């Protein structure tokens, strides 16, 4: 009987060591969004290129993520970033406007394995049309 109890105890301890604690985790990563324009003062009817870059410490937060181009606070276009987090638009400028980029963030996974890429917005750049 002692041997049976000893064997059950050893098997229980061994199974706990092999299985260990579940690897539950929540990964929250911040993102940042940068906007650059080819020219901020143009003639009406000129084209301007908007270059954006979504960055984060975690590639899943910037690779192939949807980014919105906004004009005066209204979304006018959306595009996915490339593998490096870069995105580009070329637009015809008809008048002075404020431009920015927006990333709405990303959440996936089920408790206890949650992943979150926080939302971010670029600074606003005014393109003046003369």
Protein backbone atom coordinates (compact mmCIF):
# COMPACT_ATOMS: atom_id res chain seq x y z
CA UNK A 1 0.00 0.00 0.00
CA UNK A 2 2.87 2.36 0.83
CA UNK A 3 4.38 1.73 -2.61
CA UNK A 4 1.07 2.45 -4.31
CA UNK A 5 0.64 5.74 -2.43
CA UNK A 6 4.24 6.66 -3.18
CA UNK A 7 3.78 5.87 -6.91
CA UNK A 8 0.59 7.95 -7.08
CA UNK A 9 2.31 10.88 -5.36
CA UNK A 10 5.33 10.69 -7.70
CA UNK A 11 3.08 10.45 -10.77
CA UNK A 12 1.02 13.44 -9.61
CA UNK A 13 4.08 15.60 -8.98
CA UNK A 14 5.63 14.54 -12.30
CA UNK A 15 2.46 15.34 -14.24
CA UNK A 16 2.26 18.79 -12.62
CA UNK A 17 5.87 19.51 -13.53
CA UNK A 18 5.41 18.37 -17.13
CA UNK A 19 2.14 20.20 -17.70
CA UNK A 20 3.14 23.29 -15.70
CA UNK A 21 0.99 26.38 -15.44
CA UNK A 22 -0.95 27.41 -18.53
CA UNK A 23 0.74 30.20 -20.46
CA UNK A 24 -2.10 32.67 -20.25
CA UNK A 25 -1.15 36.17 -21.30
CA UNK A 26 -2.40 39.49 -22.54
CA UNK A 27 -0.12 41.28 -24.99
CA UNK A 28 -0.83 45.01 -25.37
CA UNK A 29 1.32 46.96 -27.83
CA UNK A 30 1.28 50.67 -28.52
CA UNK A 31 1.42 52.01 -32.05
CA UNK A 32 2.38 55.33 -33.57
CA UNK A 33 1.43 56.81 -36.90
CA UNK A 34 3.51 59.35 -38.84
CA UNK A 35 2.36 61.41 -41.83
CA UNK A 36 4.54 63.27 -44.30
CA UNK A 37 3.43 65.23 -47.36
CA UNK A 38 5.42 65.97 -50.51
CA UNK A 39 4.45 69.67 -50.37
CA UNK A 40 2.30 71.63 -47.94
CA UNK A 41 1.75 74.71 -50.14
CA UNK A 42 0.56 73.99 -53.67
CA UNK A 43 -1.45 75.43 -56.54
CA UNK A 44 -5.06 74.27 -56.89
CA UNK A 45 -5.07 71.22 -59.12
CA UNK A 46 -1.57 70.06 -58.11
CA UNK A 47 -1.00 66.54 -56.83
CA UNK A 48 0.37 65.85 -53.37
CA UNK A 49 1.75 62.55 -52.11
CA UNK A 50 0.91 61.50 -48.56
CA UNK A 51 3.36 59.03 -47.01
CA UNK A 52 2.44 57.28 -43.79
CA UNK A 53 4.20 54.88 -41.49
CA UNK A 54 2.59 52.78 -38.78
CA UNK A 55 5.12 51.56 -36.22
CA UNK A 56 5.13 49.36 -33.14
CA UNK A 57 7.48 47.05 -31.26
CA UNK A 58 5.42 44.12 -32.55
CA UNK A 59 5.25 43.42 -36.30
CA UNK A 60 1.68 42.09 -36.05
CA UNK A 61 0.63 45.63 -35.14
CA UNK A 62 2.06 47.35 -38.25
CA UNK A 63 2.23 44.76 -41.04
CA UNK A 64 -0.73 44.74 -43.44
CA UNK A 65 -2.95 46.85 -41.14
CA UNK A 66 -5.71 49.17 -42.44
CA UNK A 67 -4.92 52.88 -42.21
CA UNK A 68 -7.39 55.65 -43.07
CA UNK A 69 -6.55 58.91 -44.82
CA UNK A 70 -8.66 61.71 -43.38
CA UNK A 71 -9.39 65.14 -44.81
CA UNK A 72 -10.83 67.68 -42.36
CA UNK A 73 -11.71 64.78 -40.00
CA UNK A 74 -13.59 62.72 -42.61
CA UNK A 75 -12.20 59.43 -43.92
CA UNK A 76 -11.76 59.64 -47.68
CA UNK A 77 -9.61 56.55 -48.33
CA UNK A 78 -8.33 53.42 -46.63
CA UNK A 79 -5.37 51.23 -47.50
CA UNK A 80 -3.38 48.41 -45.88
CA UNK A 81 0.21 49.01 -44.89
CA UNK A 82 3.00 47.00 -46.49
CA UNK A 83 5.30 44.61 -44.59
CA UNK A 84 7.26 47.60 -43.25
CA UNK A 85 4.19 49.52 -42.04
CA UNK A 86 4.30 52.02 -44.93
CA UNK A 87 1.35 53.37 -46.89
CA UNK A 88 1.06 56.01 -49.65
CA UNK A 89 -1.64 58.02 -51.39
CA UNK A 90 -1.51 60.66 -54.13
CA UNK A 91 -4.33 63.17 -54.19
CA UNK A 92 -5.40 66.10 -56.35
CA UNK A 93 -5.62 69.20 -54.15
CA UNK A 94 -8.67 71.39 -54.81
CA UNK A 95 -8.48 73.58 -51.72
CA UNK A 96 -6.82 74.09 -48.37
CA UNK A 97 -7.50 71.22 -45.98
CA UNK A 98 -6.24 69.49 -42.85
CA UNK A 99 -4.98 65.94 -43.39
CA UNK A 100 -4.17 63.10 -41.00
CA UNK A 101 -3.95 59.32 -40.78
CA UNK A 102 -5.84 57.03 -38.41
CA UNK A 103 -5.28 53.44 -37.28
CA UNK A 104 -8.25 52.02 -35.35
CA UNK A 105 -6.24 49.37 -33.55
CA UNK A 106 -6.64 45.62 -33.51
CA UNK A 107 -7.88 43.08 -30.96
CA UNK A 108 -7.87 39.32 -31.29
CA UNK A 109 -7.70 36.13 -29.29
CA UNK A 110 -9.87 34.79 -26.50
CA UNK A 111 -9.37 35.02 -22.79
CA UNK A 112 -6.84 34.19 -21.42
CA UNK A 113 -4.82 34.74 -24.62
CA UNK A 114 -5.66 38.31 -25.69
CA UNK A 115 -3.66 40.49 -28.06
CA UNK A 116 -4.20 44.23 -28.50
CA UNK A 117 -2.60 46.76 -30.83
CA UNK A 118 -3.60 50.19 -29.56
CA UNK A 119 -5.15 52.76 -31.90
CA UNK A 120 -3.18 55.79 -33.05
CA UNK A 121 -3.62 58.96 -35.07
CA UNK A 122 -0.98 61.02 -36.84
CA UNK A 123 -0.55 64.72 -36.29
CA UNK A 124 -2.62 66.95 -38.55
CA UNK A 125 -0.87 68.56 -41.51
CA UNK A 126 -2.45 71.46 -43.36
CA UNK A 127 -2.00 71.54 -47.13
CA UNK A 128 -2.66 75.03 -48.43
CA UNK A 129 -3.96 75.56 -51.95
CA UNK A 130 -3.33 78.99 -53.48
